[in-house]
Amino acid sequence: MTPQALRERVGDAVFRLVAGPEGEAERARIHGTPGPRWFTEDSAIARVHGDASMFVGGLRAVLLQTLHPAAMTAVAEHSGYQGDLWGRLARTSTFLATTTFGPAEHAERAVEVVRAVHRRVTGTRPDGTPYRADDPHLLRWVHVAEIDSFLVAHQVYGLRPLDAAGRDRYVAEAGVVAARLGVVDPPQTEAELRADLEAFRPELAAIPAAHEAVRHLRYEAPLPLPGRPAYAAVWLAAIDLLPPWARDELGLRPRPRLGRPAGRLSTAAVRWALTPGQRRTRDLEQVTGAWES
C-alpha cells in the first residue's frame, strides 16, 4: 500500500468513526452554509475545537464523565452505549461542530434538539435516587468534565497552546453553549473551571456500568487494522492526562513512559491522515467528545 493510499484509508476510517456515515454531508452543511456564527474563526473555542488534540481530549472527557453515577446510569439505561456508542460519538461530534463552527440558526436548532432529548431522560439509580438528564447540576458535571479535558489536551498537544487570557476566553466561550443547554452560571475562567471540577469529587465513583463502558471503549472501537495503532496511542495519551484520582477509581494504570509519546504520535498521525487536501482536522471536531447528545 502506498503512503498516499494508507493516509487516505486511515483518514477515512477516523473521519467515519467520529463523524458517522453522514459526516460528509454534515461537514458541507456546517462549513458551507452562509450566515452569522456564534463564534468567529479566530475565537479561542474555534482554536481548541479545531485542533487534533481534541482526539485525546475527547476520550479523556468520556472516561472522566463515567465517574458520575447519575450521569453513567442515564447513559447506560437510555443511550445504549454498548450497541450505539459510536453513533453517539457521531451525534456528539456533530453537535460540537455545529455550535462551534456552524451558522447560528443551525446551532440554536442543535441545542433545542439536545434539550428535548434531555427532558425525556429520567429514571432511578439502584439506590433509589431519581435522576433526570436536564438537571442543571448534572449538566454542569458533563460540561466541566468535557471542557477541562479539551483544554488540558490542547495545552499539552495542541499546535498553538493558549496563554492564560486565552484559556479564560475558551472557558467563557464554551460557557455560552453550556448556558443554552441549561447549565446555570457556567464557569467563566480556568480557575473557576478547576474549582468546579474539584467540587464534584465527593460525588464521583465508578459504578459497574462505568467499568463496562471503559472496557467497551478500550476494546471495541470499530476500526480497521490500519487505524487501531493510532487509537491505542490516543487511549494511552488520554489515560496519561486523567487526574490520578480518576485513574485509580476506574482501575486504569498509566504508562508514564508511553503516555506523552503516544499523545504526540496520535495527534501527529491525525494531522498526517487529515491533510488540507483531504480532510481538515477541524472538520472532525472531536473524537469521543462528551455525551451531550
C-alpha atoms as a PDB file:
ATOM      1  CA  MET A   1       0.000   0.000   0.000  1.00  0.00           C
ATOM      2  CA  THR A   2       1.406   3.382  -0.965  1.00  0.00           C
ATOM      3  CA  PRO A   3       1.774   6.123   1.680  1.00  0.00           C
ATOM      4  CA  GLN A   4      -0.935   8.108  -0.091  1.00  0.00           C
ATOM      5  CA  ALA A   5      -3.339   5.168  -0.064  1.00  0.00           C
ATOM      6  CA  LEU A   6      -2.575   4.450   3.594  1.00  0.00           C
ATOM      7  CA  ARG A   7      -3.180   8.082   4.506  1.00  0.00           C
ATOM      8  CA  GLU A   8      -6.474   8.050   2.629  1.00  0.00           C
ATOM      9  CA  ARG A   9      -7.605   4.819   4.314  1.00  0.00           C
ATOM     10  CA  VAL A  10      -6.674   5.923   7.830  1.00  0.00           C
ATOM     11  CA  GLY A  11      -8.191   9.353   7.279  1.00  0.00           C
ATOM     12  CA  ASP A  12     -11.456   7.855   6.040  1.00  0.00           C
ATOM     13  CA  ALA A  13     -11.588   5.431   8.972  1.00  0.00           C
ATOM     14  CA  VAL A  14     -11.023   8.147  11.565  1.00  0.00           C
ATOM     15  CA  PHE A  15     -13.481  10.524   9.935  1.00  0.00           C
ATOM     16  CA  ARG A  16     -16.231   7.888   9.765  1.00  0.00           C
ATOM     17  CA  LEU A  17     -15.634   6.788  13.350  1.00  0.00           C
ATOM     18  CA  VAL A  18     -16.005  10.340  14.638  1.00  0.00           C
ATOM     19  CA  ALA A  19     -18.488  11.859  12.201  1.00  0.00           C
ATOM     20  CA  GLY A  20     -20.573   8.828  11.261  1.00  0.00           C
ATOM     21  CA  PRO A  21     -21.908   7.785   7.843  1.00  0.00           C
ATOM     22  CA  GLU A  22     -23.456  11.228   7.292  1.00  0.00           C
ATOM     23  CA  GLY A  23     -20.214  13.008   8.121  1.00  0.00           C
ATOM     24  CA  GLU A  24     -19.534  14.306   4.630  1.00  0.00           C
ATOM     25  CA  ALA A  25     -22.983  15.852   4.324  1.00  0.00           C
ATOM     26  CA  GLU A  26     -22.796  17.305   7.830  1.00  0.00           C
ATOM     27  CA  ARG A  27     -19.394  18.821   7.120  1.00  0.00           C
ATOM     28  CA  ALA A  28     -20.725  20.531   3.996  1.00  0.00           C
ATOM     29  CA  ARG A  29     -23.749  21.818   5.902  1.00  0.00           C
ATOM     30  CA  ILE A  30     -21.760  23.115   8.861  1.00  0.00           C
ATOM     31  CA  HIS A  31     -18.976  24.842   6.978  1.00  0.00           C
ATOM     32  CA  GLY A  32     -20.713  25.624   3.716  1.00  0.00           C
ATOM     33  CA  THR A  33     -23.936  27.267   4.895  1.00  0.00           C
ATOM     34  CA  PRO A  34     -23.657  31.065   4.911  1.00  0.00           C
ATOM     35  CA  GLY A  35     -24.808  33.190   7.818  1.00  0.00           C
ATOM     36  CA  PRO A  36     -23.643  34.589  11.167  1.00  0.00           C
ATOM     37  CA  ARG A  37     -21.950  32.256  13.639  1.00  0.00           C
ATOM     38  CA  TRP A  38     -21.854  32.210  17.419  1.00  0.00           C
ATOM     39  CA  PHE A  39     -18.059  32.336  17.304  1.00  0.00           C
ATOM     40  CA  THR A  40     -15.504  33.828  14.944  1.00  0.00           C
ATOM     41  CA  GLU A  41     -12.823  31.807  13.181  1.00  0.00           C
ATOM     42  CA  ASP A  42     -10.132  33.326  15.430  1.00  0.00           C
ATOM     43  CA  SER A  43     -12.020  32.641  18.684  1.00  0.00           C
ATOM     44  CA  ALA A  44     -10.449  30.549  21.417  1.00  0.00           C
ATOM     45  CA  ILE A  45     -13.161  27.893  21.133  1.00  0.00           C
ATOM     46  CA  ALA A  46     -12.566  27.511  17.389  1.00  0.00           C
ATOM     47  CA  ARG A  47      -8.834  27.219  18.039  1.00  0.00           C
ATOM     48  CA  VAL A  48      -9.285  24.462  20.602  1.00  0.00           C
ATOM     49  CA  HIS A  49     -12.092  22.556  18.907  1.00  0.00           C
ATOM     50  CA  GLY A  50     -10.340  22.678  15.549  1.00  0.00           C
ATOM     51  CA  ASP A  51      -7.135  21.055  16.755  1.00  0.00           C
ATOM     52  CA  ALA A  52      -6.117  17.394  16.520  1.00  0.00           C
ATOM     53  CA  SER A  53      -5.594  17.372  20.303  1.00  0.00           C
ATOM     54  CA  MET A  54      -9.374  17.010  20.568  1.00  0.00           C
ATOM     55  CA  PHE A  55      -8.979  13.309  19.855  1.00  0.00           C
ATOM     56  CA  VAL A  56      -7.100  12.846  23.115  1.00  0.00           C
ATOM     57  CA  GLY A  57      -9.219  15.386  24.989  1.00  0.00           C
ATOM     58  CA  GLY A  58     -12.454  13.823  23.839  1.00  0.00           C
ATOM     59  CA  LEU A  59     -11.543  10.354  25.038  1.00  0.00           C
ATOM     60  CA  ARG A  60     -10.343  11.793  28.366  1.00  0.00           C
ATOM     61  CA  ALA A  61     -13.711  13.553  28.693  1.00  0.00           C
ATOM     62  CA  VAL A  62     -15.647  10.321  28.152  1.00  0.00           C
ATOM     63  CA  LEU A  63     -13.562   8.474  30.713  1.00  0.00           C
ATOM     64  CA  LEU A  64     -13.918  11.261  33.260  1.00  0.00           C
ATOM     65  CA  GLN A  65     -17.664  11.609  32.749  1.00  0.00           C
ATOM     66  CA  THR A  66     -18.281   7.933  33.522  1.00  0.00           C
ATOM     67  CA  LEU A  67     -17.386   8.680  37.136  1.00  0.00           C
ATOM     68  CA  HIS A  68     -20.643  10.434  37.988  1.00  0.00           C
ATOM     69  CA  PRO A  69     -23.070   7.652  38.985  1.00  0.00           C
ATOM     70  CA  ALA A  70     -26.177   9.540  37.856  1.00  0.00           C
ATOM     71  CA  ALA A  71     -24.674  10.503  34.507  1.00  0.00           C
ATOM     72  CA  MET A  72     -23.389   6.991  33.921  1.00  0.00           C
ATOM     73  CA  THR A  73     -26.721   5.419  34.859  1.00  0.00           C
ATOM     74  CA  ALA A  74     -28.539   7.719  32.448  1.00  0.00           C
ATOM     75  CA  VAL A  75     -26.162   6.774  29.647  1.00  0.00           C
ATOM     76  CA  ALA A  76     -26.377   3.046  30.391  1.00  0.00           C
ATOM     77  CA  GLU A  77     -30.182   2.995  30.635  1.00  0.00           C
ATOM     78  CA  HIS A  78     -31.112   5.382  27.843  1.00  0.00           C
ATOM     79  CA  SER A  79     -28.300   5.664  25.321  1.00  0.00           C
ATOM     80  CA  GLY A  80     -27.462   2.086  24.524  1.00  0.00           C
ATOM     81  CA  TYR A  81     -23.738   2.800  24.756  1.00  0.00           C
ATOM     82  CA  GLN A  82     -22.868  -0.844  24.117  1.00  0.00           C
ATOM     83  CA  GLY A  83     -24.827  -1.010  20.896  1.00  0.00           C
ATOM     84  CA  ASP A  84     -24.615   2.598  19.753  1.00  0.00           C
ATOM     85  CA  LEU A  85     -21.588   4.145  21.433  1.00  0.00           C
ATOM     86  CA  TRP A  86     -20.044   5.173  18.137  1.00  0.00           C
ATOM     87  CA  GLY A  87     -23.337   6.506  16.814  1.00  0.00           C
ATOM     88  CA  ARG A  88     -23.484   8.598  19.964  1.00  0.00           C
ATOM     89  CA  LEU A  89     -19.968   9.799  19.233  1.00  0.00           C
ATOM     90  CA  ALA A  90     -21.015  10.928  15.751  1.00  0.00           C
ATOM     91  CA  ARG A  91     -24.014  12.823  17.141  1.00  0.00           C
ATOM     92  CA  THR A  92     -21.886  14.491  19.798  1.00  0.00           C
ATOM     93  CA  SER A  93     -19.153  15.498  17.376  1.00  0.00           C
ATOM     94  CA  THR A  94     -21.771  16.937  15.023  1.00  0.00           C
ATOM     95  CA  PHE A  95     -23.290  18.917  17.891  1.00  0.00           C
ATOM     96  CA  LEU A  96     -19.925  20.354  18.893  1.00  0.00           C
ATOM     97  CA  ALA A  97     -19.034  21.136  15.289  1.00  0.00           C
ATOM     98  CA  THR A  98     -22.366  22.823  14.678  1.00  0.00           C
ATOM     99  CA  THR A  99     -22.260  25.021  17.761  1.00  0.00           C
ATOM    100  CA  THR A 100     -18.602  25.952  17.278  1.00  0.00           C
ATOM    101  CA  PHE A 101     -18.414  26.448  13.515  1.00  0.00           C
ATOM    102  CA  GLY A 102     -21.933  26.330  12.099  1.00  0.00           C
ATOM    103  CA  PRO A 103     -24.472  29.054  11.371  1.00  0.00           C
ATOM    104  CA  ALA A 104     -26.221  30.471  14.438  1.00  0.00           C
ATOM    105  CA  GLU A 105     -29.577  29.208  13.196  1.00  0.00           C
ATOM    106  CA  HIS A 106     -28.251  25.645  12.996  1.00  0.00           C
ATOM    107  CA  ALA A 107     -26.538  25.953  16.381  1.00  0.00           C
ATOM    108  CA  GLU A 108     -29.770  27.068  18.041  1.00  0.00           C
ATOM    109  CA  ARG A 109     -31.644  24.175  16.467  1.00  0.00           C
ATOM    110  CA  ALA A 110     -28.990  21.696  17.644  1.00  0.00           C
ATOM    111  CA  VAL A 111     -29.341  22.971  21.208  1.00  0.00           C
ATOM    112  CA  GLU A 112     -33.127  22.663  21.047  1.00  0.00           C
ATOM    113  CA  VAL A 113     -32.816  19.042  19.907  1.00  0.00           C
ATOM    114  CA  VAL A 114     -30.445  18.139  22.738  1.00  0.00           C
ATOM    115  CA  ARG A 115     -32.612  19.827  25.349  1.00  0.00           C
ATOM    116  CA  ALA A 116     -35.654  17.940  24.066  1.00  0.00           C
ATOM    117  CA  VAL A 117     -33.749  14.652  24.397  1.00  0.00           C
ATOM    118  CA  HIS A 118     -32.634  15.531  27.921  1.00  0.00           C
ATOM    119  CA  ARG A 119     -36.222  16.232  29.007  1.00  0.00           C
ATOM    120  CA  ARG A 120     -37.171  12.659  28.133  1.00  0.00           C
ATOM    121  CA  VAL A 121     -34.289  11.018  30.022  1.00  0.00           C
ATOM    122  CA  THR A 122     -35.394  10.238  33.581  1.00  0.00           C
ATOM    123  CA  GLY A 123     -35.022   7.266  35.869  1.00  0.00           C
ATOM    124  CA  THR A 124     -33.950   5.926  39.224  1.00  0.00           C
ATOM    125  CA  ARG A 125     -30.498   4.811  40.315  1.00  0.00           C
ATOM    126  CA  PRO A 126     -30.060   1.419  42.040  1.00  0.00           C
ATOM    127  CA  ASP A 127     -30.061   3.138  45.446  1.00  0.00           C
ATOM    128  CA  GLY A 128     -33.463   4.677  44.727  1.00  0.00           C
ATOM    129  CA  THR A 129     -32.214   8.167  43.924  1.00  0.00           C
ATOM    130  CA  PRO A 130     -34.103   9.691  40.982  1.00  0.00           C
ATOM    131  CA  TYR A 131     -32.227  11.363  38.146  1.00  0.00           C
ATOM    132  CA  ARG A 132     -33.090  13.451  35.110  1.00  0.00           C
ATOM    133  CA  ALA A 133     -30.742  14.432  32.325  1.00  0.00           C
ATOM    134  CA  ASP A 134     -31.872  18.056  32.314  1.00  0.00           C
ATOM    135  CA  ASP A 135     -30.874  18.531  35.954  1.00  0.00           C
ATOM    136  CA  PRO A 136     -28.683  21.685  35.872  1.00  0.00           C
ATOM    137  CA  HIS A 137     -26.275  20.135  38.348  1.00  0.00           C
ATOM    138  CA  LEU A 138     -25.784  17.033  36.200  1.00  0.00           C
ATOM    139  CA  LEU A 139     -25.437  19.177  33.083  1.00  0.00           C
ATOM    140  CA  ARG A 140     -22.769  21.145  34.888  1.00  0.00           C
ATOM    141  CA  TRP A 141     -20.762  17.982  35.541  1.00  0.00           C
ATOM    142  CA  VAL A 142     -20.915  16.954  31.888  1.00  0.00           C
ATOM    143  CA  HIS A 143     -19.794  20.427  30.832  1.00  0.00           C
ATOM    144  CA  VAL A 144     -16.996  20.777  33.374  1.00  0.00           C
ATOM    145  CA  ALA A 145     -15.519  17.339  32.639  1.00  0.00           C
ATOM    146  CA  GLU A 146     -15.686  17.988  28.908  1.00  0.00           C
ATOM    147  CA  ILE A 147     -14.177  21.469  28.811  1.00  0.00           C
ATOM    148  CA  ASP A 148     -11.457  20.628  31.316  1.00  0.00           C
ATOM    149  CA  SER A 149     -10.473  17.648  29.163  1.00  0.00           C
ATOM    150  CA  PHE A 150     -10.418  19.595  25.901  1.00  0.00           C
ATOM    151  CA  LEU A 151      -8.367  22.365  27.469  1.00  0.00           C
ATOM    152  CA  VAL A 152      -5.856  20.062  29.156  1.00  0.00           C
ATOM    153  CA  ALA A 153      -5.281  18.122  25.948  1.00  0.00           C
ATOM    154  CA  HIS A 154      -4.921  21.297  23.913  1.00  0.00           C
ATOM    155  CA  GLN A 155      -2.314  22.710  26.252  1.00  0.00           C
ATOM    156  CA  VAL A 156      -0.249  19.518  26.044  1.00  0.00           C
ATOM    157  CA  TYR A 157      -0.739  18.501  22.396  1.00  0.00           C
ATOM    158  CA  GLY A 158      -2.239  21.483  20.570  1.00  0.00           C
ATOM    159  CA  LEU A 159      -0.314  23.194  17.786  1.00  0.00           C
ATOM    160  CA  ARG A 160      -0.863  26.597  19.389  1.00  0.00           C
ATOM    161  CA  PRO A 161      -1.445  26.313  23.153  1.00  0.00           C
ATOM    162  CA  LEU A 162      -3.363  29.191  24.703  1.00  0.00           C
ATOM    163  CA  ASP A 163      -1.912  31.731  27.114  1.00  0.00           C
ATOM    164  CA  ALA A 164      -3.685  32.428  30.424  1.00  0.00           C
ATOM    165  CA  ALA A 165      -6.018  35.008  28.905  1.00  0.00           C
ATOM    166  CA  GLY A 166      -6.795  32.687  26.009  1.00  0.00           C
ATOM    167  CA  ARG A 167      -7.648  29.837  28.365  1.00  0.00           C
ATOM    168  CA  ASP A 168     -10.082  32.078  30.216  1.00  0.00           C
ATOM    169  CA  ARG A 169     -11.645  33.111  26.903  1.00  0.00           C
ATOM    170  CA  TYR A 170     -12.069  29.472  25.936  1.00  0.00           C
ATOM    171  CA  VAL A 171     -13.846  28.623  29.193  1.00  0.00           C
ATOM    172  CA  ALA A 172     -16.120  31.651  28.821  1.00  0.00           C
ATOM    173  CA  GLU A 173     -16.945  30.881  25.177  1.00  0.00           C
ATOM    174  CA  ALA A 174     -17.687  27.242  25.977  1.00  0.00           C
ATOM    175  CA  GLY A 175     -19.958  28.551  28.719  1.00  0.00           C
ATOM    176  CA  VAL A 176     -22.112  30.279  26.097  1.00  0.00           C
ATOM    177  CA  VAL A 177     -23.129  26.896  24.700  1.00  0.00           C
ATOM    178  CA  ALA A 178     -23.425  25.346  28.166  1.00  0.00           C
ATOM    179  CA  ALA A 179     -25.805  28.055  29.348  1.00  0.00           C
ATOM    180  CA  ARG A 180     -28.052  27.476  26.335  1.00  0.00           C
ATOM    181  CA  LEU A 181     -28.119  23.768  27.226  1.00  0.00           C
ATOM    182  CA  GLY A 182     -29.284  24.550  30.754  1.00  0.00           C
ATOM    183  CA  VAL A 183     -26.127  24.931  32.845  1.00  0.00           C
ATOM    184  CA  VAL A 184     -26.686  27.683  35.414  1.00  0.00           C
ATOM    185  CA  ASP A 185     -23.825  30.189  35.664  1.00  0.00           C
ATOM    186  CA  PRO A 186     -21.187  28.036  33.927  1.00  0.00           C
ATOM    187  CA  PRO A 187     -17.554  28.761  34.853  1.00  0.00           C
ATOM    188  CA  GLN A 188     -16.036  31.775  33.118  1.00  0.00           C
ATOM    189  CA  THR A 189     -12.348  31.324  33.870  1.00  0.00           C
ATOM    190  CA  GLU A 190      -9.855  28.488  34.055  1.00  0.00           C
ATOM    191  CA  ALA A 191      -9.669  28.884  37.837  1.00  0.00           C
ATOM    192  CA  GLU A 192     -13.452  28.588  38.157  1.00  0.00           C
ATOM    193  CA  LEU A 193     -13.422  25.527  35.907  1.00  0.00           C
ATOM    194  CA  ARG A 194     -10.849  23.736  38.054  1.00  0.00           C
ATOM    195  CA  ALA A 195     -12.688  24.723  41.255  1.00  0.00           C
ATOM    196  CA  ASP A 196     -15.916  23.272  39.861  1.00  0.00           C
ATOM    197  CA  LEU A 197     -14.188  20.025  38.940  1.00  0.00           C
ATOM    198  CA  GLU A 198     -12.759  19.694  42.434  1.00  0.00           C
ATOM    199  CA  ALA A 199     -16.158  20.417  43.994  1.00  0.00           C
ATOM    200  CA  PHE A 200     -17.628  17.368  42.247  1.00  0.00           C
ATOM    201  CA  ARG A 201     -15.083  14.983  43.735  1.00  0.00           C
ATOM    202  CA  PRO A 202     -17.236  13.797  46.705  1.00  0.00           C
ATOM    203  CA  GLU A 203     -20.000  12.721  44.271  1.00  0.00           C
ATOM    204  CA  LEU A 204     -17.831  10.634  41.984  1.00  0.00           C
ATOM    205  CA  ALA A 205     -17.451   6.848  41.953  1.00  0.00           C
ATOM    206  CA  ALA A 206     -17.002   4.147  39.331  1.00  0.00           C
ATOM    207  CA  ILE A 207     -20.166   2.056  39.320  1.00  0.00           C
ATOM    208  CA  PRO A 208     -20.192  -1.262  37.372  1.00  0.00           C
ATOM    209  CA  ALA A 209     -21.620   0.450  34.284  1.00  0.00           C
ATOM    210  CA  ALA A 210     -18.624   2.791  34.273  1.00  0.00           C
ATOM    211  CA  HIS A 211     -16.178  -0.119  34.225  1.00  0.00           C
ATOM    212  CA  GLU A 212     -18.158  -1.745  31.404  1.00  0.00           C
ATOM    213  CA  ALA A 213     -18.132   1.483  29.398  1.00  0.00           C
ATOM    214  CA  VAL A 214     -14.364   1.761  29.843  1.00  0.00           C
ATOM    215  CA  ARG A 215     -13.901  -1.814  28.650  1.00  0.00           C
ATOM    216  CA  HIS A 216     -16.107  -1.153  25.644  1.00  0.00           C
ATOM    217  CA  LEU A 217     -14.147   1.974  24.735  1.00  0.00           C
ATOM    218  CA  ARG A 218     -10.838   0.206  25.067  1.00  0.00           C
ATOM    219  CA  TYR A 219     -11.514  -2.981  23.160  1.00  0.00           C
ATOM    220  CA  GLU A 220     -14.472  -2.482  20.831  1.00  0.00           C
ATOM    221  CA  ALA A 221     -13.717   0.551  18.683  1.00  0.00           C
ATOM    222  CA  PRO A 222     -14.962  -0.336  15.168  1.00  0.00           C
ATOM    223  CA  LEU A 223     -11.721   0.459  13.378  1.00  0.00           C
ATOM    224  CA  PRO A 224      -9.965  -1.288  10.508  1.00  0.00           C
ATOM    225  CA  LEU A 225      -6.497  -2.641  11.181  1.00  0.00           C
ATOM    226  CA  PRO A 226      -4.593   0.460   9.960  1.00  0.00           C
ATOM    227  CA  GLY A 227      -6.470   2.688  12.410  1.00  0.00           C
ATOM    228  CA  ARG A 228      -6.027   0.585  15.538  1.00  0.00           C
ATOM    229  CA  PRO A 229      -2.468   1.620  16.466  1.00  0.00           C
ATOM    230  CA  ALA A 230      -3.477   5.287  16.333  1.00  0.00           C
ATOM    231  CA  TYR A 231      -6.477   4.606  18.577  1.00  0.00           C
ATOM    232  CA  ALA A 232      -4.282   2.679  21.026  1.00  0.00           C
ATOM    233  CA  ALA A 233      -1.979   5.714  21.154  1.00  0.00           C
ATOM    234  CA  VAL A 234      -4.946   8.030  21.828  1.00  0.00           C
ATOM    235  CA  TRP A 235      -6.049   5.689  24.620  1.00  0.00           C
ATOM    236  CA  LEU A 236      -2.645   5.782  26.330  1.00  0.00           C
ATOM    237  CA  ALA A 237      -2.476   9.560  25.998  1.00  0.00           C
ATOM    238  CA  ALA A 238      -5.971  10.061  27.408  1.00  0.00           C
ATOM    239  CA  ILE A 239      -5.220   7.900  30.450  1.00  0.00           C
ATOM    240  CA  ASP A 240      -1.983   9.812  30.995  1.00  0.00           C
ATOM    241  CA  LEU A 241      -3.902  13.112  31.156  1.00  0.00           C
ATOM    242  CA  LEU A 242      -6.541  11.894  33.623  1.00  0.00           C
ATOM    243  CA  PRO A 243      -6.175  13.096  37.218  1.00  0.00           C
ATOM    244  CA  PRO A 244      -4.552  10.336  39.303  1.00  0.00           C
ATOM    245  CA  TRP A 245      -7.672  10.002  41.463  1.00  0.00           C
ATOM    246  CA  ALA A 246      -9.806   9.377  38.359  1.00  0.00           C
ATOM    247  CA  ARG A 247      -7.420   6.693  37.062  1.00  0.00           C
ATOM    248  CA  ASP A 248      -7.438   4.997  40.440  1.00  0.00           C
ATOM    249  CA  GLU A 249     -11.236   4.992  40.632  1.00  0.00           C
ATOM    250  CA  LEU A 250     -11.554   3.475  37.152  1.00  0.00           C
ATOM    251  CA  GLY A 251      -8.777   0.958  37.723  1.00  0.00           C
ATOM    252  CA  LEU A 252      -6.670   2.345  34.874  1.00  0.00           C
ATOM    253  CA  ARG A 253      -2.911   2.051  35.070  1.00  0.00           C
ATOM    254  CA  PRO A 254      -0.886   4.827  33.462  1.00  0.00           C
ATOM    255  CA  ARG A 255       2.148   4.099  31.330  1.00  0.00           C
ATOM    256  CA  PRO A 256       4.378   7.065  32.231  1.00  0.00           C
ATOM    257  CA  ARG A 257       6.996   6.327  29.603  1.00  0.00           C
ATOM    258  CA  LEU A 258       4.428   5.856  26.856  1.00  0.00           C
ATOM    259  CA  GLY A 259       1.626   8.327  27.577  1.00  0.00           C
ATOM    260  CA  ARG A 260       3.166  11.575  26.296  1.00  0.00           C
ATOM    261  CA  PRO A 261       4.982   9.986  23.339  1.00  0.00           C
ATOM    262  CA  ALA A 262       1.716   8.256  22.434  1.00  0.00           C
ATOM    263  CA  GLY A 263      -0.120  11.574  22.575  1.00  0.00           C
ATOM    264  CA  ARG A 264       2.395  13.274  20.339  1.00  0.00           C
ATOM    265  CA  LEU A 265       2.296  10.322  17.947  1.00  0.00           C
ATOM    266  CA  SER A 266      -1.504  10.147  17.787  1.00  0.00           C
ATOM    267  CA  THR A 267      -2.054  13.853  17.210  1.00  0.00           C
ATOM    268  CA  ALA A 268       0.671  13.851  14.569  1.00  0.00           C
ATOM    269  CA  ALA A 269      -0.966  10.830  12.930  1.00  0.00           C
ATOM    270  CA  VAL A 270      -4.319  12.608  12.820  1.00  0.00           C
ATOM    271  CA  ARG A 271      -2.760  15.675  11.246  1.00  0.00           C
ATOM    272  CA  TRP A 272      -0.945  13.481   8.751  1.00  0.00           C
ATOM    273  CA  ALA A 273      -4.055  11.484   7.831  1.00  0.00           C
ATOM    274  CA  LEU A 274      -6.305  14.519   7.592  1.00  0.00           C
ATOM    275  CA  THR A 275      -4.243  16.887   5.497  1.00  0.00           C
ATOM    276  CA  PRO A 276      -5.765  20.048   3.993  1.00  0.00           C
ATOM    277  CA  GLY A 277      -6.077  18.355   0.615  1.00  0.00           C
ATOM    278  CA  GLN A 278      -8.239  15.573   2.019  1.00  0.00           C
ATOM    279  CA  ARG A 279      -9.685  16.276   5.439  1.00  0.00           C
ATOM    280  CA  ARG A 280      -9.128  19.282   7.658  1.00  0.00           C
ATOM    281  CA  THR A 281      -8.801  18.395  11.321  1.00  0.00           C
ATOM    282  CA  ARG A 282     -11.442  20.917  12.278  1.00  0.00           C
ATOM    283  CA  ASP A 283     -13.947  19.063  10.103  1.00  0.00           C
ATOM    284  CA  LEU A 284     -13.795  16.145  12.501  1.00  0.00           C
ATOM    285  CA  GLU A 285     -14.142  18.336  15.522  1.00  0.00           C
ATOM    286  CA  GLN A 286     -13.823  15.880  18.368  1.00  0.00           C
ATOM    287  CA  VAL A 287     -13.062  12.277  18.977  1.00  0.00           C
ATOM    288  CA  THR A 288     -15.423  10.850  21.575  1.00  0.00           C
ATOM    289  CA  GLY A 289     -16.330  14.139  22.969  1.00  0.00           C
ATOM    290  CA  ALA A 290     -18.622  14.413  25.806  1.00  0.00           C
ATOM    291  CA  TRP A 291     -22.023  12.871  25.976  1.00  0.00           C
ATOM    292  CA  GLU A 292     -24.227  15.896  25.439  1.00  0.00           C
ATOM    293  CA  SER A 293     -26.443  14.439  22.763  1.00  0.00           C
END
